[in-house]
Amino acid sequence: MTKIAVAKGDGIGPEIMDAVLSIFNAAKVPLAYEMVDMGKWVFDKGFSNGMTSEAQHAIENLGILFKGPMETPKGKGVKSINVTARKTWNTYANKRTFQTLHGVDTVFSKAGIPID
C-alpha cells in the first residue's frame, strides 16, 4: 500500500476531496492517506507559505501530494500554495483532465481538437 499526503484545500476543496477519497476507498485503490495542513486557513494562522512545517516534512518524506483547490489570501503579499510548492519541490506538472459531452456546446467545441 502506498502512503500519500492529502491536503483537502479551501472552498469546495474539502467536499470534493472527501468525494474523491470515498471513490478511491470504494474502488479499493491501495492508498493510505496522511492528512496535511495547507491552505488559506493556514495562512490565516500566520504561516507565510500556507503550510505547516509538519505538512512540508510529510510531503517531502512521502514524495507525493494530492491536494484540493487552495485559496491564497488577497492583498497580503504572499505567494500562492501552487507557486510555493513549485519552487520548493521543483514540480512541473499539474494534471487536469476533462471530457466533452457530445451534443453539449462549450467554449472548447470550436477549438479544432476532437476530444473523445
PDB file of N, CA and C in Angstrom:
ATOM      1  N   MET A   1       0.842  -1.181   0.000  1.00  0.00           N
ATOM      2  CA  MET A   1       0.000   0.000   0.000  1.00  0.00           C
ATOM      3  C   MET A   1       0.887   1.243   0.000  1.00  0.00           C
ATOM      4  N   THR A   2       0.568   2.192  -0.847  1.00  0.00           N
ATOM      5  CA  THR A   2       1.320   3.438  -0.964  1.00  0.00           C
ATOM      6  C   THR A   2       0.680   4.505  -0.088  1.00  0.00           C
ATOM      7  N   LYS A   3       1.511   5.215   0.663  1.00  0.00           N
ATOM      8  CA  LYS A   3       1.009   6.300   1.509  1.00  0.00           C
ATOM      9  C   LYS A   3       1.253   7.629   0.808  1.00  0.00           C
ATOM     10  N   ILE A   4       0.208   8.468   0.764  1.00  0.00           N
ATOM     11  CA  ILE A   4       0.315   9.772   0.124  1.00  0.00           C
ATOM     12  C   ILE A   4      -0.136  10.866   1.089  1.00  0.00           C
ATOM     13  N   ALA A   5       0.431  12.061   0.900  1.00  0.00           N
ATOM     14  CA  ALA A   5      -0.022  13.226   1.656  1.00  0.00           C
ATOM     15  C   ALA A   5      -1.263  13.778   0.965  1.00  0.00           C
ATOM     16  N   VAL A   6      -2.266  14.147   1.763  1.00  0.00           N
ATOM     17  CA  VAL A   6      -3.509  14.696   1.229  1.00  0.00           C
ATOM     18  C   VAL A   6      -3.812  16.011   1.939  1.00  0.00           C
ATOM     19  N   ALA A   7      -4.021  17.059   1.151  1.00  0.00           N
ATOM     20  CA  ALA A   7      -4.453  18.358   1.668  1.00  0.00           C
ATOM     21  C   ALA A   7      -5.819  18.652   1.064  1.00  0.00           C
ATOM     22  N   LYS A   8      -6.833  18.752   1.904  1.00  0.00           N
ATOM     23  CA  LYS A   8      -8.199  18.908   1.396  1.00  0.00           C
ATOM     24  C   LYS A   8      -8.452  20.239   0.716  1.00  0.00           C
ATOM     25  N   GLY A   9      -7.759  21.285   1.135  1.00  0.00           N
ATOM     26  CA  GLY A   9      -7.904  22.569   0.464  1.00  0.00           C
ATOM     27  C   GLY A   9      -8.951  23.474   1.076  1.00  0.00           C
ATOM     28  N   ASP A  10      -9.334  24.468   0.296  1.00  0.00           N
ATOM     29  CA  ASP A  10     -10.259  25.505   0.744  1.00  0.00           C
ATOM     30  C   ASP A  10     -11.489  25.524  -0.158  1.00  0.00           C
ATOM     31  N   GLY A  11     -12.498  26.293   0.243  1.00  0.00           N
ATOM     32  CA  GLY A  11     -13.708  26.415  -0.571  1.00  0.00           C
ATOM     33  C   GLY A  11     -14.378  25.066  -0.761  1.00  0.00           C
ATOM     34  N   ILE A  12     -14.521  24.655  -2.018  1.00  0.00           N
ATOM     35  CA  ILE A  12     -15.137  23.356  -2.305  1.00  0.00           C
ATOM     36  C   ILE A  12     -14.154  22.205  -2.123  1.00  0.00           C
ATOM     37  N   GLY A  13     -12.887  22.526  -1.842  1.00  0.00           N
ATOM     38  CA  GLY A  13     -11.845  21.507  -1.722  1.00  0.00           C
ATOM     39  C   GLY A  13     -12.182  20.357  -0.791  1.00  0.00           C
ATOM     40  N   PRO A  14     -12.545  20.641   0.481  1.00  0.00           N
ATOM     41  CA  PRO A  14     -12.840  19.533   1.390  1.00  0.00           C
ATOM     42  C   PRO A  14     -13.970  18.632   0.895  1.00  0.00           C
ATOM     43  N   GLU A  15     -15.003  19.231   0.329  1.00  0.00           N
ATOM     44  CA  GLU A  15     -16.135  18.445  -0.152  1.00  0.00           C
ATOM     45  C   GLU A  15     -15.741  17.543  -1.319  1.00  0.00           C
ATOM     46  N   ILE A  16     -15.019  18.101  -2.289  1.00  0.00           N
ATOM     47  CA  ILE A  16     -14.662  17.261  -3.434  1.00  0.00           C
ATOM     48  C   ILE A  16     -13.576  16.256  -3.065  1.00  0.00           C
ATOM     49  N   MET A  17     -12.684  16.627  -2.145  1.00  0.00           N
ATOM     50  CA  MET A  17     -11.648  15.682  -1.726  1.00  0.00           C
ATOM     51  C   MET A  17     -12.273  14.510  -0.976  1.00  0.00           C
ATOM     52  N   ASP A  18     -13.255  14.788  -0.107  1.00  0.00           N
ATOM     53  CA  ASP A  18     -13.953  13.699   0.582  1.00  0.00           C
ATOM     54  C   ASP A  18     -14.612  12.761  -0.425  1.00  0.00           C
ATOM     55  N   ALA A  19     -15.209  13.329  -1.473  1.00  0.00           N
ATOM     56  CA  ALA A  19     -15.858  12.508  -2.500  1.00  0.00           C
ATOM     57  C   ALA A  19     -14.835  11.652  -3.239  1.00  0.00           C
ATOM     58  N   VAL A  20     -13.716  12.244  -3.616  1.00  0.00           N
ATOM     59  CA  VAL A  20     -12.677  11.501  -4.345  1.00  0.00           C
ATOM     60  C   VAL A  20     -12.095  10.392  -3.475  1.00  0.00           C
ATOM     61  N   LEU A  21     -11.795  10.698  -2.219  1.00  0.00           N
ATOM     62  CA  LEU A  21     -11.229   9.673  -1.334  1.00  0.00           C
ATOM     63  C   LEU A  21     -12.237   8.557  -1.084  1.00  0.00           C
ATOM     64  N   SER A  22     -13.517   8.899  -1.023  1.00  0.00           N
ATOM     65  CA  SER A  22     -14.562   7.887  -0.874  1.00  0.00           C
ATOM     66  C   SER A  22     -14.592   6.961  -2.091  1.00  0.00           C
ATOM     67  N   ILE A  23     -14.441   7.541  -3.273  1.00  0.00           N
ATOM     68  CA  ILE A  23     -14.394   6.734  -4.501  1.00  0.00           C
ATOM     69  C   ILE A  23     -13.157   5.842  -4.498  1.00  0.00           C
ATOM     70  N   PHE A  24     -12.006   6.404  -4.124  1.00  0.00           N
ATOM     71  CA  PHE A  24     -10.780   5.600  -4.037  1.00  0.00           C
ATOM     72  C   PHE A  24     -10.983   4.419  -3.094  1.00  0.00           C
ATOM     73  N   ASN A  25     -11.576   4.691  -1.931  1.00  0.00           N
ATOM     74  CA  ASN A  25     -11.787   3.628  -0.947  1.00  0.00           C
ATOM     75  C   ASN A  25     -12.755   2.573  -1.472  1.00  0.00           C
ATOM     76  N   ALA A  26     -13.841   3.004  -2.113  1.00  0.00           N
ATOM     77  CA  ALA A  26     -14.816   2.057  -2.660  1.00  0.00           C
ATOM     78  C   ALA A  26     -14.198   1.205  -3.763  1.00  0.00           C
ATOM     79  N   ALA A  27     -13.277   1.798  -4.519  1.00  0.00           N
ATOM     80  CA  ALA A  27     -12.607   1.074  -5.600  1.00  0.00           C
ATOM     81  C   ALA A  27     -11.418   0.257  -5.099  1.00  0.00           C
ATOM     82  N   LYS A  28     -11.196   0.315  -3.792  1.00  0.00           N
ATOM     83  CA  LYS A  28     -10.096  -0.421  -3.159  1.00  0.00           C
ATOM     84  C   LYS A  28      -8.733  -0.042  -3.747  1.00  0.00           C
ATOM     85  N   VAL A  29      -8.564   1.253  -4.045  1.00  0.00           N
ATOM     86  CA  VAL A  29      -7.271   1.755  -4.508  1.00  0.00           C
ATOM     87  C   VAL A  29      -6.293   1.588  -3.347  1.00  0.00           C
ATOM     88  N   PRO A  30      -5.153   0.951  -3.579  1.00  0.00           N
ATOM     89  CA  PRO A  30      -4.236   0.646  -2.471  1.00  0.00           C
ATOM     90  C   PRO A  30      -3.436   1.871  -2.003  1.00  0.00           C
ATOM     91  N   LEU A  31      -4.150   2.807  -1.359  1.00  0.00           N
ATOM     92  CA  LEU A  31      -3.516   4.015  -0.844  1.00  0.00           C
ATOM     93  C   LEU A  31      -3.844   4.190   0.630  1.00  0.00           C
ATOM     94  N   ALA A  32      -2.875   4.718   1.353  1.00  0.00           N
ATOM     95  CA  ALA A  32      -3.096   5.170   2.725  1.00  0.00           C
ATOM     96  C   ALA A  32      -2.872   6.669   2.704  1.00  0.00           C
ATOM     97  N   TYR A  33      -3.609   7.397   3.532  1.00  0.00           N
ATOM     98  CA  TYR A  33      -3.563   8.850   3.482  1.00  0.00           C
ATOM     99  C   TYR A  33      -2.983   9.437   4.760  1.00  0.00           C
ATOM    100  N   GLU A  34      -2.102  10.423   4.579  1.00  0.00           N
ATOM    101  CA  GLU A  34      -1.657  11.246   5.700  1.00  0.00           C
ATOM    102  C   GLU A  34      -2.167  12.652   5.422  1.00  0.00           C
ATOM    103  N   MET A  35      -3.125  13.091   6.221  1.00  0.00           N
ATOM    104  CA  MET A  35      -3.716  14.405   6.028  1.00  0.00           C
ATOM    105  C   MET A  35      -2.727  15.477   6.478  1.00  0.00           C
ATOM    106  N   VAL A  36      -2.560  16.513   5.647  1.00  0.00           N
ATOM    107  CA  VAL A  36      -1.626  17.596   5.961  1.00  0.00           C
ATOM    108  C   VAL A  36      -2.360  18.935   5.927  1.00  0.00           C
ATOM    109  N   ASP A  37      -1.845  19.885   6.695  1.00  0.00           N
ATOM    110  CA  ASP A  37      -2.477  21.195   6.838  1.00  0.00           C
ATOM    111  C   ASP A  37      -1.873  22.198   5.865  1.00  0.00           C
ATOM    112  N   MET A  38      -2.688  22.597   4.889  1.00  0.00           N
ATOM    113  CA  MET A  38      -2.281  23.580   3.880  1.00  0.00           C
ATOM    114  C   MET A  38      -3.498  24.412   3.508  1.00  0.00           C
ATOM    115  N   GLY A  39      -3.255  25.634   3.064  1.00  0.00           N
ATOM    116  CA  GLY A  39      -4.342  26.446   2.543  1.00  0.00           C
ATOM    117  C   GLY A  39      -4.513  27.777   3.237  1.00  0.00           C
ATOM    118  N   LYS A  40      -5.601  28.456   2.892  1.00  0.00           N
ATOM    119  CA  LYS A  40      -5.856  29.798   3.399  1.00  0.00           C
ATOM    120  C   LYS A  40      -5.917  29.828   4.916  1.00  0.00           C
ATOM    121  N   TRP A  41      -6.583  28.854   5.516  1.00  0.00           N
ATOM    122  CA  TRP A  41      -6.701  28.868   6.975  1.00  0.00           C
ATOM    123  C   TRP A  41      -5.339  28.733   7.644  1.00  0.00           C
ATOM    124  N   VAL A  42      -4.378  28.112   6.960  1.00  0.00           N
ATOM    125  CA  VAL A  42      -3.016  28.013   7.500  1.00  0.00           C
ATOM    126  C   VAL A  42      -2.308  29.362   7.335  1.00  0.00           C
ATOM    127  N   PHE A  43      -2.509  30.020   6.182  1.00  0.00           N
ATOM    128  CA  PHE A  43      -2.009  31.394   6.020  1.00  0.00           C
ATOM    129  C   PHE A  43      -2.548  32.266   7.156  1.00  0.00           C
ATOM    130  N   ASP A  44      -3.853  32.131   7.423  1.00  0.00           N
ATOM    131  CA  ASP A  44      -4.512  32.960   8.435  1.00  0.00           C
ATOM    132  C   ASP A  44      -3.963  32.724   9.843  1.00  0.00           C
ATOM    133  N   LYS A  45      -3.373  31.564  10.072  1.00  0.00           N
ATOM    134  CA  LYS A  45      -2.760  31.274  11.379  1.00  0.00           C
ATOM    135  C   LYS A  45      -1.337  31.804  11.473  1.00  0.00           C
ATOM    136  N   GLY A  46      -0.850  32.433  10.395  1.00  0.00           N
ATOM    137  CA  GLY A  46       0.462  33.061  10.433  1.00  0.00           C
ATOM    138  C   GLY A  46       1.572  32.329   9.700  1.00  0.00           C
ATOM    139  N   PHE A  47       1.246  31.239   9.012  1.00  0.00           N
ATOM    140  CA  PHE A  47       2.255  30.512   8.240  1.00  0.00           C
ATOM    141  C   PHE A  47       2.367  31.181   6.868  1.00  0.00           C
ATOM    142  N   SER A  48       3.474  31.874   6.627  1.00  0.00           N
ATOM    143  CA  SER A  48       3.594  32.701   5.420  1.00  0.00           C
ATOM    144  C   SER A  48       3.632  31.903   4.121  1.00  0.00           C
ATOM    145  N   ASN A  49       3.917  30.607   4.200  1.00  0.00           N
ATOM    146  CA  ASN A  49       3.942  29.799   2.975  1.00  0.00           C
ATOM    147  C   ASN A  49       2.683  28.950   2.811  1.00  0.00           C
ATOM    148  N   GLY A  50       1.720  29.090   3.721  1.00  0.00           N
ATOM    149  CA  GLY A  50       0.448  28.393   3.580  1.00  0.00           C
ATOM    150  C   GLY A  50       0.459  26.935   3.965  1.00  0.00           C
ATOM    151  N   MET A  51       1.547  26.482   4.590  1.00  0.00           N
ATOM    152  CA  MET A  51       1.592  25.092   5.054  1.00  0.00           C
ATOM    153  C   MET A  51       2.379  25.020   6.355  1.00  0.00           C
ATOM    154  N   THR A  52       2.010  24.065   7.185  1.00  0.00           N
ATOM    155  CA  THR A  52       2.744  23.876   8.429  1.00  0.00           C
ATOM    156  C   THR A  52       4.056  23.161   8.136  1.00  0.00           C
ATOM    157  N   SER A  53       4.997  23.267   9.058  1.00  0.00           N
ATOM    158  CA  SER A  53       6.270  22.555   8.870  1.00  0.00           C
ATOM    159  C   SER A  53       6.035  21.048   8.870  1.00  0.00           C
ATOM    160  N   GLU A  54       5.042  20.588   9.648  1.00  0.00           N
ATOM    161  CA  GLU A  54       4.707  19.152   9.649  1.00  0.00           C
ATOM    162  C   GLU A  54       4.213  18.717   8.273  1.00  0.00           C
ATOM    163  N   ALA A  55       3.414  19.561   7.646  1.00  0.00           N
ATOM    164  CA  ALA A  55       2.926  19.242   6.295  1.00  0.00           C
ATOM    165  C   ALA A  55       4.085  19.164   5.317  1.00  0.00           C
ATOM    166  N   GLN A  56       4.975  20.133   5.382  1.00  0.00           N
ATOM    167  CA  GLN A  56       6.118  20.152   4.468  1.00  0.00           C
ATOM    168  C   GLN A  56       6.982  18.913   4.654  1.00  0.00           C
ATOM    169  N   HIS A  57       7.243  18.531   5.900  1.00  0.00           N
ATOM    170  CA  HIS A  57       8.060  17.332   6.160  1.00  0.00           C
ATOM    171  C   HIS A  57       7.357  16.067   5.668  1.00  0.00           C
ATOM    172  N   ALA A  58       6.054  15.971   5.900  1.00  0.00           N
ATOM    173  CA  ALA A  58       5.309  14.789   5.449  1.00  0.00           C
ATOM    174  C   ALA A  58       5.361  14.665   3.929  1.00  0.00           C
ATOM    175  N   ILE A  59       5.158  15.777   3.238  1.00  0.00           N
ATOM    176  CA  ILE A  59       5.182  15.758   1.773  1.00  0.00           C
ATOM    177  C   ILE A  59       6.565  15.368   1.267  1.00  0.00           C
ATOM    178  N   GLU A  60       7.593  15.923   1.881  1.00  0.00           N
ATOM    179  CA  GLU A  60       8.961  15.590   1.471  1.00  0.00           C
ATOM    180  C   GLU A  60       9.286  14.128   1.757  1.00  0.00           C
ATOM    181  N   ASN A  61       8.836  13.608   2.895  1.00  0.00           N
ATOM    182  CA  ASN A  61       9.103  12.205   3.235  1.00  0.00           C
ATOM    183  C   ASN A  61       8.340  11.242   2.335  1.00  0.00           C
ATOM    184  N   LEU A  62       7.088  11.576   2.017  1.00  0.00           N
ATOM    185  CA  LEU A  62       6.270  10.684   1.196  1.00  0.00           C
ATOM    186  C   LEU A  62       6.540  10.855  -0.296  1.00  0.00           C
ATOM    187  N   GLY A  63       6.949  12.037  -0.698  1.00  0.00           N
ATOM    188  CA  GLY A  63       7.279  12.274  -2.101  1.00  0.00           C
ATOM    189  C   GLY A  63       6.090  12.498  -3.010  1.00  0.00           C
ATOM    190  N   ILE A  64       4.886  12.665  -2.423  1.00  0.00           N
ATOM    191  CA  ILE A  64       3.702  12.888  -3.253  1.00  0.00           C
ATOM    192  C   ILE A  64       2.660  13.652  -2.450  1.00  0.00           C
ATOM    193  N   LEU A  65       1.978  14.567  -3.141  1.00  0.00           N
ATOM    194  CA  LEU A  65       0.906  15.354  -2.533  1.00  0.00           C
ATOM    195  C   LEU A  65      -0.295  15.330  -3.458  1.00  0.00           C
ATOM    196  N   PHE A  66      -1.445  15.002  -2.899  1.00  0.00           N
ATOM    197  CA  PHE A  66      -2.723  15.065  -3.606  1.00  0.00           C
ATOM    198  C   PHE A  66      -3.512  16.162  -2.905  1.00  0.00           C
ATOM    199  N   LYS A  67      -3.778  17.263  -3.621  1.00  0.00           N
ATOM    200  CA  LYS A  67      -4.382  18.399  -2.943  1.00  0.00           C
ATOM    201  C   LYS A  67      -5.625  18.897  -3.652  1.00  0.00           C
ATOM    202  N   GLY A  68      -6.511  19.439  -2.845  1.00  0.00           N
ATOM    203  CA  GLY A  68      -7.693  20.097  -3.372  1.00  0.00           C
ATOM    204  C   GLY A  68      -7.364  21.538  -3.724  1.00  0.00           C
ATOM    205  N   PRO A  69      -8.350  22.274  -4.229  1.00  0.00           N
ATOM    206  CA  PRO A  69      -8.129  23.682  -4.561  1.00  0.00           C
ATOM    207  C   PRO A  69      -7.705  24.478  -3.331  1.00  0.00           C
ATOM    208  N   MET A  70      -6.744  25.356  -3.513  1.00  0.00           N
ATOM    209  CA  MET A  70      -6.233  26.176  -2.409  1.00  0.00           C
ATOM    210  C   MET A  70      -6.466  27.647  -2.708  1.00  0.00           C
ATOM    211  N   GLU A  71      -6.845  28.383  -1.676  1.00  0.00           N
ATOM    212  CA  GLU A  71      -7.045  29.824  -1.798  1.00  0.00           C
ATOM    213  C   GLU A  71      -5.830  30.545  -1.228  1.00  0.00           C
ATOM    214  N   THR A  72      -5.460  31.638  -1.868  1.00  0.00           N
ATOM    215  CA  THR A  72      -4.376  32.482  -1.366  1.00  0.00           C
ATOM    216  C   THR A  72      -4.992  33.781  -0.868  1.00  0.00           C
ATOM    217  N   PRO A  73      -4.637  34.220   0.341  1.00  0.00           N
ATOM    218  CA  PRO A  73      -5.186  35.488   0.838  1.00  0.00           C
ATOM    219  C   PRO A  73      -4.862  36.632  -0.119  1.00  0.00           C
ATOM    220  N   LYS A  74      -5.829  37.470  -0.370  1.00  0.00           N
ATOM    221  CA  LYS A  74      -5.658  38.597  -1.288  1.00  0.00           C
ATOM    222  C   LYS A  74      -5.025  39.779  -0.563  1.00  0.00           C
ATOM    223  N   GLY A  75      -4.097  40.441  -1.246  1.00  0.00           N
ATOM    224  CA  GLY A  75      -3.540  41.683  -0.747  1.00  0.00           C
ATOM    225  C   GLY A  75      -2.623  41.566   0.446  1.00  0.00           C
ATOM    226  N   LYS A  76      -2.094  40.402   0.715  1.00  0.00           N
ATOM    227  CA  LYS A  76      -1.223  40.233   1.879  1.00  0.00           C
ATOM    228  C   LYS A  76       0.230  39.994   1.488  1.00  0.00           C
ATOM    229  N   GLY A  77       0.536  40.056   0.187  1.00  0.00           N
ATOM    230  CA  GLY A  77       1.914  39.897  -0.256  1.00  0.00           C
ATOM    231  C   GLY A  77       2.480  38.504  -0.088  1.00  0.00           C
ATOM    232  N   VAL A  78       1.620  37.488  -0.144  1.00  0.00           N
ATOM    233  CA  VAL A  78       2.094  36.110  -0.003  1.00  0.00           C
ATOM    234  C   VAL A  78       1.994  35.392  -1.343  1.00  0.00           C
ATOM    235  N   LYS A  79       2.836  34.391  -1.527  1.00  0.00           N
ATOM    236  CA  LYS A  79       2.791  33.570  -2.736  1.00  0.00           C
ATOM    237  C   LYS A  79       1.722  32.499  -2.562  1.00  0.00           C
ATOM    238  N   SER A  80       1.138  32.104  -3.667  1.00  0.00           N
ATOM    239  CA  SER A  80       0.134  31.045  -3.611  1.00  0.00           C
ATOM    240  C   SER A  80       0.793  29.723  -3.230  1.00  0.00           C
ATOM    241  N   ILE A  81      -0.024  28.824  -2.726  1.00  0.00           N
ATOM    242  CA  ILE A  81       0.453  27.474  -2.400  1.00  0.00           C
ATOM    243  C   ILE A  81       1.051  26.826  -3.638  1.00  0.00           C
ATOM    244  N   ASN A  82       0.430  27.025  -4.799  1.00  0.00           N
ATOM    245  CA  ASN A  82       0.930  26.400  -6.023  1.00  0.00           C
ATOM    246  C   ASN A  82       2.322  26.901  -6.375  1.00  0.00           C
ATOM    247  N   VAL A  83       2.548  28.210  -6.259  1.00  0.00           N
ATOM    248  CA  VAL A  83       3.879  28.763  -6.540  1.00  0.00           C
ATOM    249  C   VAL A  83       4.879  28.252  -5.510  1.00  0.00           C
ATOM    250  N   THR A  84       4.479  28.258  -4.240  1.00  0.00           N
ATOM    251  CA  THR A  84       5.367  27.769  -3.179  1.00  0.00           C
ATOM    252  C   THR A  84       5.751  26.315  -3.418  1.00  0.00           C
ATOM    253  N   ALA A  85       4.778  25.472  -3.748  1.00  0.00           N
ATOM    254  CA  ALA A  85       5.061  24.052  -4.000  1.00  0.00           C
ATOM    255  C   ALA A  85       5.985  23.887  -5.199  1.00  0.00           C
ATOM    256  N   ARG A  86       5.696  24.625  -6.261  1.00  0.00           N
ATOM    257  CA  ARG A  86       6.515  24.509  -7.471  1.00  0.00           C
ATOM    258  C   ARG A  86       7.963  24.891  -7.191  1.00  0.00           C
ATOM    259  N   LYS A  87       8.169  25.956  -6.433  1.00  0.00           N
ATOM    260  CA  LYS A  87       9.531  26.403  -6.141  1.00  0.00           C
ATOM    261  C   LYS A  87      10.205  25.541  -5.077  1.00  0.00           C
ATOM    262  N   THR A  88       9.455  25.092  -4.082  1.00  0.00           N
ATOM    263  CA  THR A  88      10.031  24.279  -3.009  1.00  0.00           C
ATOM    264  C   THR A  88      10.458  22.912  -3.515  1.00  0.00           C
ATOM    265  N   TRP A  89       9.596  22.274  -4.313  1.00  0.00           N
ATOM    266  CA  TRP A  89       9.852  20.893  -4.725  1.00  0.00           C
ATOM    267  C   TRP A  89      10.163  20.755  -6.209  1.00  0.00           C
ATOM    268  N   ASN A  90      10.363  21.866  -6.907  1.00  0.00           N
ATOM    269  CA  ASN A  90      10.706  21.829  -8.321  1.00  0.00           C
ATOM    270  C   ASN A  90       9.706  20.987  -9.114  1.00  0.00           C
ATOM    271  N   THR A  91       8.432  21.207  -8.824  1.00  0.00           N
ATOM    272  CA  THR A  91       7.398  20.454  -9.534  1.00  0.00           C
ATOM    273  C   THR A  91       7.120  21.101 -10.877  1.00  0.00           C
ATOM    274  N   TYR A  92       6.586  20.329 -11.777  1.00  0.00           N
ATOM    275  CA  TYR A  92       6.357  20.830 -13.120  1.00  0.00           C
ATOM    276  C   TYR A  92       5.033  20.375 -13.701  1.00  0.00           C
ATOM    277  N   ALA A  93       4.296  19.541 -13.013  1.00  0.00           N
ATOM    278  CA  ALA A  93       3.065  19.007 -13.596  1.00  0.00           C
ATOM    279  C   ALA A  93       1.873  19.276 -12.693  1.00  0.00           C
ATOM    280  N   ASN A  94       0.800  19.654 -13.330  1.00  0.00           N
ATOM    281  CA  ASN A  94      -0.480  19.813 -12.661  1.00  0.00           C
ATOM    282  C   ASN A  94      -1.489  19.245 -13.637  1.00  0.00           C
ATOM    283  N   LYS A  95      -1.771  17.981 -13.515  1.00  0.00           N
ATOM    284  CA  LYS A  95      -2.598  17.300 -14.500  1.00  0.00           C
ATOM    285  C   LYS A  95      -4.077  17.587 -14.255  1.00  0.00           C
ATOM    286  N   ARG A  96      -4.716  18.055 -15.311  1.00  0.00           N
ATOM    287  CA  ARG A  96      -6.154  18.290 -15.264  1.00  0.00           C
ATOM    288  C   ARG A  96      -6.746  17.657 -16.511  1.00  0.00           C
ATOM    289  N   THR A  97      -7.638  16.755 -16.319  1.00  0.00           N
ATOM    290  CA  THR A  97      -8.259  16.088 -17.463  1.00  0.00           C
ATOM    291  C   THR A  97      -9.714  16.527 -17.575  1.00  0.00           C
ATOM    292  N   PHE A  98     -10.233  16.447 -18.775  1.00  0.00           N
ATOM    293  CA  PHE A  98     -11.641  16.756 -18.974  1.00  0.00           C
ATOM    294  C   PHE A  98     -12.148  15.961 -20.160  1.00  0.00           C
ATOM    295  N   GLN A  99     -13.439  15.858 -20.238  1.00  0.00           N
ATOM    296  CA  GLN A  99     -14.077  15.164 -21.349  1.00  0.00           C
ATOM    297  C   GLN A  99     -15.301  15.975 -21.752  1.00  0.00           C
ATOM    298  N   THR A 100     -15.443  16.212 -23.039  1.00  0.00           N
ATOM    299  CA  THR A 100     -16.633  16.915 -23.508  1.00  0.00           C
ATOM    300  C   THR A 100     -17.745  15.905 -23.746  1.00  0.00           C
ATOM    301  N   LEU A 101     -18.955  16.387 -23.647  1.00  0.00           N
ATOM    302  CA  LEU A 101     -20.114  15.542 -23.893  1.00  0.00           C
ATOM    303  C   LEU A 101     -20.660  15.863 -25.275  1.00  0.00           C
ATOM    304  N   HIS A 102     -20.845  14.831 -26.088  1.00  0.00           N
ATOM    305  CA  HIS A 102     -21.379  15.032 -27.432  1.00  0.00           C
ATOM    306  C   HIS A 102     -22.739  15.713 -27.328  1.00  0.00           C
ATOM    307  N   GLY A 103     -22.919  16.741 -28.159  1.00  0.00           N
ATOM    308  CA  GLY A 103     -24.185  17.462 -28.162  1.00  0.00           C
ATOM    309  C   GLY A 103     -24.243  18.628 -27.192  1.00  0.00           C
ATOM    310  N   VAL A 104     -23.214  18.790 -26.369  1.00  0.00           N
ATOM    311  CA  VAL A 104     -23.171  19.913 -25.428  1.00  0.00           C
ATOM    312  C   VAL A 104     -22.156  20.917 -25.948  1.00  0.00           C
ATOM    313  N   ASP A 105     -22.637  22.107 -26.308  1.00  0.00           N
ATOM    314  CA  ASP A 105     -21.772  23.140 -26.861  1.00  0.00           C
ATOM    315  C   ASP A 105     -21.000  23.817 -25.729  1.00  0.00           C
ATOM    316  N   THR A 106     -19.675  23.871 -25.867  1.00  0.00           N
ATOM    317  CA  THR A 106     -18.823  24.515 -24.864  1.00  0.00           C
ATOM    318  C   THR A 106     -17.826  25.427 -25.563  1.00  0.00           C
ATOM    319  N   VAL A 107     -17.052  26.161 -24.795  1.00  0.00           N
ATOM    320  CA  VAL A 107     -16.013  27.012 -25.379  1.00  0.00           C
ATOM    321  C   VAL A 107     -14.957  26.174 -26.089  1.00  0.00           C
ATOM    322  N   PHE A 108     -14.856  24.896 -25.759  1.00  0.00           N
ATOM    323  CA  PHE A 108     -13.868  24.021 -26.378  1.00  0.00           C
ATOM    324  C   PHE A 108     -14.393  23.364 -27.655  1.00  0.00           C
ATOM    325  N   SER A 109     -15.684  23.484 -27.920  1.00  0.00           N
ATOM    326  CA  SER A 109     -16.286  22.825 -29.080  1.00  0.00           C
ATOM    327  C   SER A 109     -15.677  23.284 -30.393  1.00  0.00           C
ATOM    328  N   LYS A 110     -15.225  24.526 -30.453  1.00  0.00           N
ATOM    329  CA  LYS A 110     -14.696  25.078 -31.694  1.00  0.00           C
ATOM    330  C   LYS A 110     -13.169  25.146 -31.684  1.00  0.00           C
ATOM    331  N   ALA A 111     -12.547  24.440 -30.791  1.00  0.00           N
ATOM    332  CA  ALA A 111     -11.091  24.510 -30.651  1.00  0.00           C
ATOM    333  C   ALA A 111     -10.359  23.795 -31.773  1.00  0.00           C
ATOM    334  N   GLY A 112     -11.030  22.953 -32.521  1.00  0.00           N
ATOM    335  CA  GLY A 112     -10.395  22.261 -33.626  1.00  0.00           C
ATOM    336  C   GLY A 112      -9.665  21.000 -33.207  1.00  0.00           C
ATOM    337  N   ILE A 113      -9.851  20.585 -31.985  1.00  0.00           N
ATOM    338  CA  ILE A 113      -9.209  19.361 -31.495  1.00  0.00           C
ATOM    339  C   ILE A 113     -10.318  18.406 -31.075  1.00  0.00           C
ATOM    340  N   PRO A 114     -10.479  17.304 -31.809  1.00  0.00           N
ATOM    341  CA  PRO A 114     -11.510  16.352 -31.386  1.00  0.00           C
ATOM    342  C   PRO A 114     -11.084  15.654 -30.095  1.00  0.00           C
ATOM    343  N   ILE A 115     -11.947  15.668 -29.136  1.00  0.00           N
ATOM    344  CA  ILE A 115     -11.663  15.024 -27.851  1.00  0.00           C
ATOM    345  C   ILE A 115     -12.750  14.002 -27.604  1.00  0.00           C
ATOM    346  N   ASP A 116     -12.375  12.742 -27.567  1.00  0.00           N
ATOM    347  CA  ASP A 116     -13.348  11.667 -27.328  1.00  0.00           C
ATOM    348  C   ASP A 116     -13.001  10.901 -26.083  1.00  0.00           C
TER     349      ASP A 116
END
